[in-house]
Amino acid sequence: DWLAHVLQDTGAPVVLTQQRLRDSLPPHSAHTLCLDSDSADFALE
C-alpha cells in the first residue's frame, strides 16, 4: 500500500528496478527498466 501510494502520488514515468524485484511492485503505469536483465539494451545507448 505504501509503494502503491508513492507510485501514484509522484506519477513517476519510469521505475528503475531489478528483475527479481519486478513482481513485488504493485500495479502501476510507469515504464519499467530492469538494470540487470535490460543491460543489453542499455549498451546500445
PDB file of all heavy atoms in Angstrom:
ATOM      1  N   ASP A   1       0.835  -1.206   0.000  1.00  0.00           N
ATOM      2  CA  ASP A   1       0.000   0.000   0.000  1.00  0.00           C
ATOM      3  C   ASP A   1       0.867   1.252   0.000  1.00  0.00           C
ATOM      4  O   ASP A   1       0.530   2.254  -0.647  1.00  0.00           O
ATOM      5  CB  ASP A   1      -0.923   0.015   1.224  1.00  0.00           C
ATOM      6  CG  ASP A   1      -2.071  -0.964   1.103  1.00  0.00           C
ATOM      7  OD1 ASP A   1      -2.254  -1.519  -0.006  1.00  0.00           O
ATOM      8  OD2 ASP A   1      -2.779  -1.192   2.106  1.00  0.00           O
ATOM      9  N   TRP A   2       1.973   1.205   0.743  1.00  0.00           N
ATOM     10  CA  TRP A   2       2.905   2.338   0.799  1.00  0.00           C
ATOM     11  C   TRP A   2       3.530   2.553  -0.582  1.00  0.00           C
ATOM     12  O   TRP A   2       3.577   3.675  -1.082  1.00  0.00           O
ATOM     13  CB  TRP A   2       3.980   2.049   1.841  1.00  0.00           C
ATOM     14  CG  TRP A   2       4.843   3.219   2.224  1.00  0.00           C
ATOM     15  CD1 TRP A   2       4.692   4.051   3.280  1.00  0.00           C
ATOM     16  CD2 TRP A   2       6.031   3.665   1.538  1.00  0.00           C
ATOM     17  NE1 TRP A   2       5.695   4.993   3.308  1.00  0.00           N
ATOM     18  CE2 TRP A   2       6.516   4.781   2.256  1.00  0.00           C
ATOM     19  CE3 TRP A   2       6.709   3.237   0.400  1.00  0.00           C
ATOM     20  CZ2 TRP A   2       7.665   5.472   1.860  1.00  0.00           C
ATOM     21  CZ3 TRP A   2       7.848   3.932   0.001  1.00  0.00           C
ATOM     22  CH2 TRP A   2       8.314   5.029   0.733  1.00  0.00           C
ATOM     23  N   LEU A   3       3.987   1.465  -1.206  1.00  0.00           N
ATOM     24  CA  LEU A   3       4.603   1.575  -2.529  1.00  0.00           C
ATOM     25  C   LEU A   3       3.595   2.086  -3.556  1.00  0.00           C
ATOM     26  O   LEU A   3       3.921   2.934  -4.397  1.00  0.00           O
ATOM     27  CB  LEU A   3       5.148   0.208  -2.971  1.00  0.00           C
ATOM     28  CG  LEU A   3       6.189  -0.447  -2.058  1.00  0.00           C
ATOM     29  CD1 LEU A   3       6.612  -1.797  -2.631  1.00  0.00           C
ATOM     30  CD2 LEU A   3       7.406   0.450  -1.890  1.00  0.00           C
ATOM     31  N   ALA A   4       2.370   1.578  -3.489  1.00  0.00           N
ATOM     32  CA  ALA A   4       1.340   1.998  -4.437  1.00  0.00           C
ATOM     33  C   ALA A   4       1.046   3.488  -4.287  1.00  0.00           C
ATOM     34  O   ALA A   4       0.868   4.206  -5.286  1.00  0.00           O
ATOM     35  CB  ALA A   4       0.068   1.174  -4.224  1.00  0.00           C
ATOM     36  N   HIS A   5       0.999   3.966  -3.045  1.00  0.00           N
ATOM     37  CA  HIS A   5       0.734   5.383  -2.802  1.00  0.00           C
ATOM     38  C   HIS A   5       1.838   6.250  -3.407  1.00  0.00           C
ATOM     39  O   HIS A   5       1.558   7.261  -4.063  1.00  0.00           O
ATOM     40  CB  HIS A   5       0.624   5.651  -1.302  1.00  0.00           C
ATOM     41  CG  HIS A   5       0.619   7.115  -0.963  1.00  0.00           C
ATOM     42  ND1 HIS A   5      -0.437   7.950  -1.253  1.00  0.00           N
ATOM     43  CD2 HIS A   5       1.570   7.908  -0.371  1.00  0.00           C
ATOM     44  CE1 HIS A   5      -0.142   9.185  -0.855  1.00  0.00           C
ATOM     45  NE2 HIS A   5       1.067   9.180  -0.321  1.00  0.00           N
ATOM     46  N   VAL A   6       3.094   5.854  -3.218  1.00  0.00           N
ATOM     47  CA  VAL A   6       4.216   6.649  -3.730  1.00  0.00           C
ATOM     48  C   VAL A   6       4.206   6.675  -5.258  1.00  0.00           C
ATOM     49  O   VAL A   6       4.379   7.736  -5.876  1.00  0.00           O
ATOM     50  CB  VAL A   6       5.551   6.095  -3.198  1.00  0.00           C
ATOM     51  CG1 VAL A   6       6.730   6.763  -3.899  1.00  0.00           C
ATOM     52  CG2 VAL A   6       5.646   6.304  -1.693  1.00  0.00           C
ATOM     53  N   LEU A   7       3.973   5.529  -5.874  1.00  0.00           N
ATOM     54  CA  LEU A   7       3.957   5.472  -7.343  1.00  0.00           C
ATOM     55  C   LEU A   7       2.819   6.311  -7.914  1.00  0.00           C
ATOM     56  O   LEU A   7       2.983   7.004  -8.926  1.00  0.00           O
ATOM     57  CB  LEU A   7       3.832   4.019  -7.804  1.00  0.00           C
ATOM     58  CG  LEU A   7       5.077   3.151  -7.578  1.00  0.00           C
ATOM     59  CD1 LEU A   7       4.752   1.682  -7.805  1.00  0.00           C
ATOM     60  CD2 LEU A   7       6.208   3.594  -8.507  1.00  0.00           C
ATOM     61  N   GLN A   8       1.667   6.272  -7.266  1.00  0.00           N
ATOM     62  CA  GLN A   8       0.524   7.049  -7.738  1.00  0.00           C
ATOM     63  C   GLN A   8       0.710   8.533  -7.444  1.00  0.00           C
ATOM     64  O   GLN A   8       0.416   9.389  -8.289  1.00  0.00           O
ATOM     65  CB  GLN A   8      -0.761   6.545  -7.080  1.00  0.00           C
ATOM     66  CG  GLN A   8      -2.004   7.297  -7.538  1.00  0.00           C
ATOM     67  CD  GLN A   8      -3.273   6.776  -6.895  1.00  0.00           C
ATOM     68  OE1 GLN A   8      -3.216   5.949  -5.990  1.00  0.00           O
ATOM     69  NE2 GLN A   8      -4.420   7.245  -7.352  1.00  0.00           N
ATOM     70  N   ASP A   9       1.208   8.868  -6.260  1.00  0.00           N
ATOM     71  CA  ASP A   9       1.358  10.267  -5.841  1.00  0.00           C
ATOM     72  C   ASP A   9       2.357  11.008  -6.710  1.00  0.00           C
ATOM     73  O   ASP A   9       2.144  12.160  -7.082  1.00  0.00           O
ATOM     74  CB  ASP A   9       1.792  10.298  -4.370  1.00  0.00           C
ATOM     75  CG  ASP A   9       1.597  11.666  -3.731  1.00  0.00           C
ATOM     76  OD1 ASP A   9       0.592  12.327  -4.050  1.00  0.00           O
ATOM     77  OD2 ASP A   9       2.447  12.059  -2.909  1.00  0.00           O
ATOM     78  N   THR A  10       3.467  10.359  -7.049  1.00  0.00           N
ATOM     79  CA  THR A  10       4.503  11.011  -7.850  1.00  0.00           C
ATOM     80  C   THR A  10       4.175  10.999  -9.338  1.00  0.00           C
ATOM     81  O   THR A  10       4.635  11.873 -10.077  1.00  0.00           O
ATOM     82  CB  THR A  10       5.870  10.324  -7.668  1.00  0.00           C
ATOM     83  OG1 THR A  10       5.752   8.949  -8.051  1.00  0.00           O
ATOM     84  CG2 THR A  10       6.342  10.420  -6.236  1.00  0.00           C
ATOM     85  N   GLY A  11       3.405   9.998  -9.776  1.00  0.00           N
ATOM     86  CA  GLY A  11       3.185   9.846 -11.214  1.00  0.00           C
ATOM     87  C   GLY A  11       4.486   9.606 -11.948  1.00  0.00           C
ATOM     88  O   GLY A  11       4.669  10.038 -13.096  1.00  0.00           O
ATOM     89  N   ALA A  12       5.423   8.930 -11.284  1.00  0.00           N
ATOM     90  CA  ALA A  12       6.754   8.706 -11.871  1.00  0.00           C
ATOM     91  C   ALA A  12       6.632   8.015 -13.221  1.00  0.00           C
ATOM     92  O   ALA A  12       5.961   6.987 -13.336  1.00  0.00           O
ATOM     93  CB  ALA A  12       7.605   7.867 -10.924  1.00  0.00           C
ATOM     94  N   PRO A  13       7.259   8.551 -14.264  1.00  0.00           N
ATOM     95  CA  PRO A  13       7.145   7.931 -15.591  1.00  0.00           C
ATOM     96  C   PRO A  13       8.002   6.689 -15.770  1.00  0.00           C
ATOM     97  O   PRO A  13       7.755   5.892 -16.665  1.00  0.00           O
ATOM     98  CB  PRO A  13       7.599   9.038 -16.538  1.00  0.00           C
ATOM     99  CG  PRO A  13       8.523   9.880 -15.721  1.00  0.00           C
ATOM    100  CD  PRO A  13       8.008   9.825 -14.311  1.00  0.00           C
ATOM    101  N   VAL A  14       9.020   6.532 -14.922  1.00  0.00           N
ATOM    102  CA  VAL A  14       9.948   5.411 -15.064  1.00  0.00           C
ATOM    103  C   VAL A  14      10.192   4.778 -13.703  1.00  0.00           C
ATOM    104  O   VAL A  14      10.326   5.496 -12.698  1.00  0.00           O
ATOM    105  CB  VAL A  14      11.306   5.866 -15.669  1.00  0.00           C
ATOM    106  CG1 VAL A  14      12.285   4.691 -15.749  1.00  0.00           C
ATOM    107  CG2 VAL A  14      11.107   6.481 -17.045  1.00  0.00           C
ATOM    108  N   VAL A  15      10.240   3.458 -13.658  1.00  0.00           N
ATOM    109  CA  VAL A  15      10.653   2.729 -12.456  1.00  0.00           C
ATOM    110  C   VAL A  15      11.920   1.960 -12.790  1.00  0.00           C
ATOM    111  O   VAL A  15      11.933   1.144 -13.724  1.00  0.00           O
ATOM    112  CB  VAL A  15       9.563   1.756 -11.971  1.00  0.00           C
ATOM    113  CG1 VAL A  15      10.119   0.849 -10.873  1.00  0.00           C
ATOM    114  CG2 VAL A  15       8.357   2.519 -11.438  1.00  0.00           C
ATOM    115  N   LEU A  16      13.000   2.252 -12.070  1.00  0.00           N
ATOM    116  CA  LEU A  16      14.249   1.505 -12.211  1.00  0.00           C
ATOM    117  C   LEU A  16      14.262   0.417 -11.146  1.00  0.00           C
ATOM    118  O   LEU A  16      14.123   0.710  -9.957  1.00  0.00           O
ATOM    119  CB  LEU A  16      15.455   2.425 -12.011  1.00  0.00           C
ATOM    120  CG  LEU A  16      15.619   3.588 -12.991  1.00  0.00           C
ATOM    121  CD1 LEU A  16      16.811   4.452 -12.587  1.00  0.00           C
ATOM    122  CD2 LEU A  16      15.802   3.080 -14.402  1.00  0.00           C
ATOM    123  N   THR A  17      14.455  -0.832 -11.562  1.00  0.00           N
ATOM    124  CA  THR A  17      14.427  -1.927 -10.598  1.00  0.00           C
ATOM    125  C   THR A  17      15.317  -3.056 -11.090  1.00  0.00           C
ATOM    126  O   THR A  17      16.141  -2.863 -11.987  1.00  0.00           O
ATOM    127  CB  THR A  17      12.967  -2.401 -10.372  1.00  0.00           C
ATOM    128  OG1 THR A  17      12.959  -3.386  -9.345  1.00  0.00           O
ATOM    129  CG2 THR A  17      12.349  -2.955 -11.638  1.00  0.00           C
ATOM    130  N   GLN A  18      15.167  -4.224 -10.495  1.00  0.00           N
ATOM    131  CA  GLN A  18      15.871  -5.438 -10.916  1.00  0.00           C
ATOM    132  C   GLN A  18      14.831  -6.516 -11.178  1.00  0.00           C
ATOM    133  O   GLN A  18      13.720  -6.478 -10.635  1.00  0.00           O
ATOM    134  CB  GLN A  18      16.858  -5.878  -9.833  1.00  0.00           C
ATOM    135  CG  GLN A  18      17.977  -4.869  -9.591  1.00  0.00           C
ATOM    136  CD  GLN A  18      18.814  -5.215  -8.370  1.00  0.00           C
ATOM    137  OE1 GLN A  18      18.324  -5.822  -7.422  1.00  0.00           O
ATOM    138  NE2 GLN A  18      20.074  -4.822  -8.384  1.00  0.00           N
ATOM    139  N   GLN A  19      15.207  -7.466 -11.984  1.00  0.00           N
ATOM    140  CA  GLN A  19      14.256  -8.487 -12.406  1.00  0.00           C
ATOM    141  C   GLN A  19      13.626  -9.221 -11.212  1.00  0.00           C
ATOM    142  O   GLN A  19      12.422  -9.456 -11.178  1.00  0.00           O
ATOM    143  CB  GLN A  19      14.954  -9.509 -13.323  1.00  0.00           C
ATOM    144  CG  GLN A  19      13.998 -10.498 -13.989  1.00  0.00           C
ATOM    145  CD  GLN A  19      13.019  -9.827 -14.939  1.00  0.00           C
ATOM    146  OE1 GLN A  19      13.396  -8.915 -15.665  1.00  0.00           O
ATOM    147  NE2 GLN A  19      11.770 -10.249 -14.912  1.00  0.00           N
ATOM    148  N   ARG A  20      14.435  -9.520 -10.184  1.00  0.00           N
ATOM    149  CA  ARG A  20      13.930 -10.283  -9.042  1.00  0.00           C
ATOM    150  C   ARG A  20      12.934  -9.478  -8.198  1.00  0.00           C
ATOM    151  O   ARG A  20      12.166 -10.053  -7.418  1.00  0.00           O
ATOM    152  CB  ARG A  20      15.096 -10.742  -8.163  1.00  0.00           C
ATOM    153  CG  ARG A  20      15.883  -9.610  -7.530  1.00  0.00           C
ATOM    154  CD  ARG A  20      17.086 -10.092  -6.736  1.00  0.00           C
ATOM    155  NE  ARG A  20      17.879  -8.989  -6.210  1.00  0.00           N
ATOM    156  CZ  ARG A  20      17.618  -8.355  -5.078  1.00  0.00           C
ATOM    157  NH1 ARG A  20      16.572  -8.734  -4.350  1.00  0.00           N
ATOM    158  NH2 ARG A  20      18.372  -7.363  -4.660  1.00  0.00           N
ATOM    159  N   LEU A  21      12.940  -8.145  -8.357  1.00  0.00           N
ATOM    160  CA  LEU A  21      12.038  -7.304  -7.575  1.00  0.00           C
ATOM    161  C   LEU A  21      10.814  -6.854  -8.358  1.00  0.00           C
ATOM    162  O   LEU A  21       9.867  -6.304  -7.785  1.00  0.00           O
ATOM    163  CB  LEU A  21      12.781  -6.054  -7.076  1.00  0.00           C
ATOM    164  CG  LEU A  21      13.986  -6.285  -6.175  1.00  0.00           C
ATOM    165  CD1 LEU A  21      14.720  -4.970  -5.925  1.00  0.00           C
ATOM    166  CD2 LEU A  21      13.549  -6.904  -4.851  1.00  0.00           C
ATOM    167  N   ARG A  22      10.831  -7.115  -9.648  1.00  0.00           N
ATOM    168  CA  ARG A  22       9.792  -6.558 -10.528  1.00  0.00           C
ATOM    169  C   ARG A  22       8.389  -6.982 -10.089  1.00  0.00           C
ATOM    170  O   ARG A  22       7.462  -6.170 -10.040  1.00  0.00           O
ATOM    171  CB  ARG A  22      10.061  -6.996 -11.960  1.00  0.00           C
ATOM    172  CG  ARG A  22       9.146  -6.376 -12.983  1.00  0.00           C
ATOM    173  CD  ARG A  22       9.618  -6.655 -14.390  1.00  0.00           C
ATOM    174  NE  ARG A  22       8.865  -5.888 -15.369  1.00  0.00           N
ATOM    175  CZ  ARG A  22       9.273  -5.652 -16.599  1.00  0.00           C
ATOM    176  NH1 ARG A  22      10.448  -6.097 -17.006  1.00  0.00           N
ATOM    177  NH2 ARG A  22       8.519  -4.957 -17.426  1.00  0.00           N
ATOM    178  N   ASP A  23       8.224  -8.241  -9.748  1.00  0.00           N
ATOM    179  CA  ASP A  23       6.890  -8.743  -9.408  1.00  0.00           C
ATOM    180  C   ASP A  23       6.425  -8.302  -8.026  1.00  0.00           C
ATOM    181  O   ASP A  23       5.252  -8.472  -7.681  1.00  0.00           O
ATOM    182  CB  ASP A  23       6.865 -10.275  -9.501  1.00  0.00           C
ATOM    183  CG  ASP A  23       7.037 -10.767 -10.938  1.00  0.00           C
ATOM    184  OD1 ASP A  23       6.765  -9.966 -11.857  1.00  0.00           O
ATOM    185  OD2 ASP A  23       7.448 -11.928 -11.122  1.00  0.00           O
ATOM    186  N   SER A  24       7.338  -7.760  -7.204  1.00  0.00           N
ATOM    187  CA  SER A  24       6.930  -7.318  -5.868  1.00  0.00           C
ATOM    188  C   SER A  24       6.294  -5.938  -5.893  1.00  0.00           C
ATOM    189  O   SER A  24       5.706  -5.502  -4.906  1.00  0.00           O
ATOM    190  CB  SER A  24       8.136  -7.306  -4.923  1.00  0.00           C
ATOM    191  OG  SER A  24       9.078  -6.313  -5.312  1.00  0.00           O
ATOM    192  N   LEU A  25       6.391  -5.241  -7.029  1.00  0.00           N
ATOM    193  CA  LEU A  25       5.803  -3.913  -7.133  1.00  0.00           C
ATOM    194  C   LEU A  25       4.296  -4.018  -7.343  1.00  0.00           C
ATOM    195  O   LEU A  25       3.822  -4.921  -8.033  1.00  0.00           O
ATOM    196  CB  LEU A  25       6.418  -3.153  -8.312  1.00  0.00           C
ATOM    197  CG  LEU A  25       7.858  -2.668  -8.151  1.00  0.00           C
ATOM    198  CD1 LEU A  25       8.396  -2.178  -9.483  1.00  0.00           C
ATOM    199  CD2 LEU A  25       7.917  -1.540  -7.120  1.00  0.00           C
ATOM    200  N   PRO A  26       3.523  -3.114  -6.767  1.00  0.00           N
ATOM    201  CA  PRO A  26       2.085  -3.093  -7.036  1.00  0.00           C
ATOM    202  C   PRO A  26       1.833  -2.637  -8.467  1.00  0.00           C
ATOM    203  O   PRO A  26       2.740  -2.105  -9.127  1.00  0.00           O
ATOM    204  CB  PRO A  26       1.560  -2.072  -6.019  1.00  0.00           C
ATOM    205  CG  PRO A  26       2.715  -1.187  -5.728  1.00  0.00           C
ATOM    206  CD  PRO A  26       3.936  -2.051  -5.832  1.00  0.00           C
ATOM    207  N   PRO A  27       0.633  -2.824  -8.995  1.00  0.00           N
ATOM    208  CA  PRO A  27       0.325  -2.373 -10.363  1.00  0.00           C
ATOM    209  C   PRO A  27       0.589  -0.873 -10.513  1.00  0.00           C
ATOM    210  O   PRO A  27       0.270  -0.081  -9.622  1.00  0.00           O
ATOM    211  CB  PRO A  27      -1.174  -2.689 -10.505  1.00  0.00           C
ATOM    212  CG  PRO A  27      -1.429  -3.773  -9.520  1.00  0.00           C
ATOM    213  CD  PRO A  27      -0.513  -3.517  -8.366  1.00  0.00           C
ATOM    214  N   HIS A  28       1.193  -0.500 -11.633  1.00  0.00           N
ATOM    215  CA  HIS A  28       1.490   0.915 -11.881  1.00  0.00           C
ATOM    216  C   HIS A  28       1.553   1.144 -13.381  1.00  0.00           C
ATOM    217  O   HIS A  28       1.607   0.190 -14.178  1.00  0.00           O
ATOM    218  CB  HIS A  28       2.814   1.306 -11.213  1.00  0.00           C
ATOM    219  CG  HIS A  28       3.999   0.527 -11.711  1.00  0.00           C
ATOM    220  ND1 HIS A  28       4.712   0.898 -12.822  1.00  0.00           N
ATOM    221  CD2 HIS A  28       4.585  -0.607 -11.245  1.00  0.00           C
ATOM    222  CE1 HIS A  28       5.694   0.023 -13.026  1.00  0.00           C
ATOM    223  NE2 HIS A  28       5.638  -0.899 -12.090  1.00  0.00           N
ATOM    224  N   SER A  29       1.554   2.405 -13.784  1.00  0.00           N
ATOM    225  CA  SER A  29       1.546   2.750 -15.202  1.00  0.00           C
ATOM    226  C   SER A  29       2.910   3.199 -15.706  1.00  0.00           C
ATOM    227  O   SER A  29       3.048   3.562 -16.877  1.00  0.00           O
ATOM    228  CB  SER A  29       0.509   3.856 -15.457  1.00  0.00           C
ATOM    229  OG  SER A  29       0.815   4.996 -14.669  1.00  0.00           O
ATOM    230  N   ALA A  30       3.926   3.191 -14.855  1.00  0.00           N
ATOM    231  CA  ALA A  30       5.255   3.655 -15.245  1.00  0.00           C
ATOM    232  C   ALA A  30       5.945   2.650 -16.162  1.00  0.00           C
ATOM    233  O   ALA A  30       5.652   1.452 -16.134  1.00  0.00           O
ATOM    234  CB  ALA A  30       6.111   3.898 -14.005  1.00  0.00           C
ATOM    235  N   HIS A  31       6.875   3.167 -16.959  1.00  0.00           N
ATOM    236  CA  HIS A  31       7.712   2.299 -17.795  1.00  0.00           C
ATOM    237  C   HIS A  31       8.779   1.667 -16.900  1.00  0.00           C
ATOM    238  O   HIS A  31       9.509   2.370 -16.204  1.00  0.00           O
ATOM    239  CB  HIS A  31       8.365   3.122 -18.903  1.00  0.00           C
ATOM    240  CG  HIS A  31       9.253   2.315 -19.800  1.00  0.00           C
ATOM    241  ND1 HIS A  31       8.815   1.224 -20.510  1.00  0.00           N
ATOM    242  CD2 HIS A  31      10.572   2.443 -20.091  1.00  0.00           C
ATOM    243  CE1 HIS A  31       9.815   0.715 -21.205  1.00  0.00           C
ATOM    244  NE2 HIS A  31      10.894   1.436 -20.960  1.00  0.00           N
ATOM    245  N   THR A  32       8.859   0.351 -16.900  1.00  0.00           N
ATOM    246  CA  THR A  32       9.776  -0.353 -16.006  1.00  0.00           C
ATOM    247  C   THR A  32      11.065  -0.709 -16.739  1.00  0.00           C
ATOM    248  O   THR A  32      11.041  -1.288 -17.826  1.00  0.00           O
ATOM    249  CB  THR A  32       9.125  -1.638 -15.458  1.00  0.00           C
ATOM    250  OG1 THR A  32       7.927  -1.289 -14.767  1.00  0.00           O
ATOM    251  CG2 THR A  32      10.069  -2.355 -14.500  1.00  0.00           C
ATOM    252  N   LEU A  33      12.188  -0.364 -16.140  1.00  0.00           N
ATOM    253  CA  LEU A  33      13.506  -0.738 -16.659  1.00  0.00           C
ATOM    254  C   LEU A  33      14.213  -1.588 -15.602  1.00  0.00           C
ATOM    255  O   LEU A  33      14.331  -1.167 -14.450  1.00  0.00           O
ATOM    256  CB  LEU A  33      14.354   0.504 -16.946  1.00  0.00           C
ATOM    257  CG  LEU A  33      13.925   1.403 -18.111  1.00  0.00           C
ATOM    258  CD1 LEU A  33      14.801   2.643 -18.158  1.00  0.00           C
ATOM    259  CD2 LEU A  33      14.008   0.646 -19.430  1.00  0.00           C
ATOM    260  N   CYS A  34      14.654  -2.765 -15.998  1.00  0.00           N
ATOM    261  CA  CYS A  34      15.408  -3.633 -15.097  1.00  0.00           C
ATOM    262  C   CYS A  34      16.897  -3.440 -15.362  1.00  0.00           C
ATOM    263  O   CYS A  34      17.376  -3.690 -16.478  1.00  0.00           O
ATOM    264  CB  CYS A  34      15.009  -5.095 -15.292  1.00  0.00           C
ATOM    265  SG  CYS A  34      13.337  -5.458 -14.744  1.00  0.00           S
ATOM    266  N   LEU A  35      17.617  -2.989 -14.352  1.00  0.00           N
ATOM    267  CA  LEU A  35      19.028  -2.644 -14.535  1.00  0.00           C
ATOM    268  C   LEU A  35      19.885  -3.859 -14.854  1.00  0.00           C
ATOM    269  O   LEU A  35      20.983  -3.713 -15.395  1.00  0.00           O
ATOM    270  CB  LEU A  35      19.554  -1.948 -13.278  1.00  0.00           C
ATOM    271  CG  LEU A  35      18.908  -0.594 -12.985  1.00  0.00           C
ATOM    272  CD1 LEU A  35      19.380  -0.045 -11.653  1.00  0.00           C
ATOM    273  CD2 LEU A  35      19.217   0.395 -14.094  1.00  0.00           C
ATOM    274  N   ASP A  36      19.386  -5.061 -14.520  1.00  0.00           N
ATOM    275  CA  ASP A  36      20.173  -6.260 -14.821  1.00  0.00           C
ATOM    276  C   ASP A  36      19.723  -6.910 -16.130  1.00  0.00           C
ATOM    277  O   ASP A  36      20.498  -7.009 -17.085  1.00  0.00           O
ATOM    278  CB  ASP A  36      20.099  -7.264 -13.662  1.00  0.00           C
ATOM    279  CG  ASP A  36      18.689  -7.457 -13.126  1.00  0.00           C
ATOM    280  OD1 ASP A  36      17.729  -6.921 -13.699  1.00  0.00           O
ATOM    281  OD2 ASP A  36      18.544  -8.174 -12.107  1.00  0.00           O
ATOM    282  N   SER A  37      18.467  -7.293 -16.249  1.00  0.00           N
ATOM    283  CA  SER A  37      18.019  -8.038 -17.428  1.00  0.00           C
ATOM    284  C   SER A  37      17.919  -7.176 -18.687  1.00  0.00           C
ATOM    285  O   SER A  37      17.920  -7.700 -19.805  1.00  0.00           O
ATOM    286  CB  SER A  37      16.664  -8.710 -17.146  1.00  0.00           C
ATOM    287  OG  SER A  37      15.697  -7.753 -16.762  1.00  0.00           O
ATOM    288  N   ASP A  38      17.837  -5.850 -18.537  1.00  0.00           N
ATOM    289  CA  ASP A  38      17.763  -4.966 -19.706  1.00  0.00           C
ATOM    290  C   ASP A  38      19.121  -4.380 -20.073  1.00  0.00           C
ATOM    291  O   ASP A  38      19.199  -3.456 -20.890  1.00  0.00           O
ATOM    292  CB  ASP A  38      16.783  -3.809 -19.435  1.00  0.00           C
ATOM    293  CG  ASP A  38      15.344  -4.279 -19.307  1.00  0.00           C
ATOM    294  OD1 ASP A  38      15.041  -5.371 -19.825  1.00  0.00           O
ATOM    295  OD2 ASP A  38      14.526  -3.558 -18.706  1.00  0.00           O
ATOM    296  N   SER A  39      20.195  -4.907 -19.500  1.00  0.00           N
ATOM    297  CA  SER A  39      21.515  -4.295 -19.690  1.00  0.00           C
ATOM    298  C   SER A  39      21.955  -4.313 -21.154  1.00  0.00           C
ATOM    299  O   SER A  39      22.670  -3.405 -21.596  1.00  0.00           O
ATOM    300  CB  SER A  39      22.564  -5.004 -18.825  1.00  0.00           C
ATOM    301  OG  SER A  39      22.612  -6.382 -19.131  1.00  0.00           O
ATOM    302  N   ALA A  40      21.531  -5.310 -21.913  1.00  0.00           N
ATOM    303  CA  ALA A  40      21.920  -5.367 -23.335  1.00  0.00           C
ATOM    304  C   ALA A  40      21.350  -4.173 -24.101  1.00  0.00           C
ATOM    305  O   ALA A  40      22.006  -3.618 -24.996  1.00  0.00           O
ATOM    306  CB  ALA A  40      21.452  -6.680 -23.948  1.00  0.00           C
ATOM    307  N   ASP A  41      20.127  -3.763 -23.750  1.00  0.00           N
ATOM    308  CA  ASP A  41      19.524  -2.603 -24.412  1.00  0.00           C
ATOM    309  C   ASP A  41      20.260  -1.323 -24.022  1.00  0.00           C
ATOM    310  O   ASP A  41      20.449  -0.429 -24.857  1.00  0.00           O
ATOM    311  CB  ASP A  41      18.048  -2.478 -24.017  1.00  0.00           C
ATOM    312  CG  ASP A  41      17.217  -3.639 -24.547  1.00  0.00           C
ATOM    313  OD1 ASP A  41      17.608  -4.218 -25.576  1.00  0.00           O
ATOM    314  OD2 ASP A  41      16.195  -3.965 -23.919  1.00  0.00           O
ATOM    315  N   PHE A  42      20.681  -1.234 -22.768  1.00  0.00           N
ATOM    316  CA  PHE A  42      21.403  -0.035 -22.334  1.00  0.00           C
ATOM    317  C   PHE A  42      22.729   0.111 -23.083  1.00  0.00           C
ATOM    318  O   PHE A  42      23.181   1.219 -23.347  1.00  0.00           O
ATOM    319  CB  PHE A  42      21.684  -0.085 -20.829  1.00  0.00           C
ATOM    320  CG  PHE A  42      20.443  -0.159 -19.974  1.00  0.00           C
ATOM    321  CD1 PHE A  42      20.470  -0.804 -18.746  1.00  0.00           C
ATOM    322  CD2 PHE A  42      19.264   0.410 -20.393  1.00  0.00           C
ATOM    323  CE1 PHE A  42      19.340  -0.872 -17.964  1.00  0.00           C
ATOM    324  CE2 PHE A  42      18.122   0.354 -19.608  1.00  0.00           C
ATOM    325  CZ  PHE A  42      18.159  -0.291 -18.390  1.00  0.00           C
ATOM    326  N   ALA A  43      23.346  -1.020 -23.417  1.00  0.00           N
ATOM    327  CA  ALA A  43      24.648  -0.989 -24.082  1.00  0.00           C
ATOM    328  C   ALA A  43      24.565  -0.337 -25.466  1.00  0.00           C
ATOM    329  O   ALA A  43      25.575   0.104 -26.017  1.00  0.00           O
ATOM    330  CB  ALA A  43      25.214  -2.397 -24.199  1.00  0.00           C
ATOM    331  N   LEU A  44      23.356  -0.287 -26.036  1.00  0.00           N
ATOM    332  CA  LEU A  44      23.172   0.308 -27.362  1.00  0.00           C
ATOM    333  C   LEU A  44      23.006   1.822 -27.305  1.00  0.00           C
ATOM    334  O   LEU A  44      23.032   2.491 -28.338  1.00  0.00           O
ATOM    335  CB  LEU A  44      21.941  -0.313 -28.042  1.00  0.00           C
ATOM    336  CG  LEU A  44      21.960  -1.843 -28.207  1.00  0.00           C
ATOM    337  CD1 LEU A  44      20.636  -2.315 -28.807  1.00  0.00           C
ATOM    338  CD2 LEU A  44      23.136  -2.275 -29.088  1.00  0.00           C
ATOM    339  N   GLU A  45      22.833   2.363 -26.104  1.00  0.00           N
ATOM    340  CA  GLU A  45      22.600   3.803 -25.976  1.00  0.00           C
ATOM    341  C   GLU A  45      23.903   4.591 -26.115  1.00  0.00           C
ATOM    342  O   GLU A  45      24.994   4.052 -25.971  1.00  0.00           O
ATOM    343  CB  GLU A  45      21.965   4.105 -24.610  1.00  0.00           C
ATOM    344  CG  GLU A  45      20.590   3.490 -24.402  1.00  0.00           C
ATOM    345  CD  GLU A  45      19.531   4.109 -25.287  1.00  0.00           C
ATOM    346  OE1 GLU A  45      19.714   5.268 -25.709  1.00  0.00           O
ATOM    347  OE2 GLU A  45      18.518   3.429 -25.574  1.00  0.00           O
TER     348      GLU A  45
END
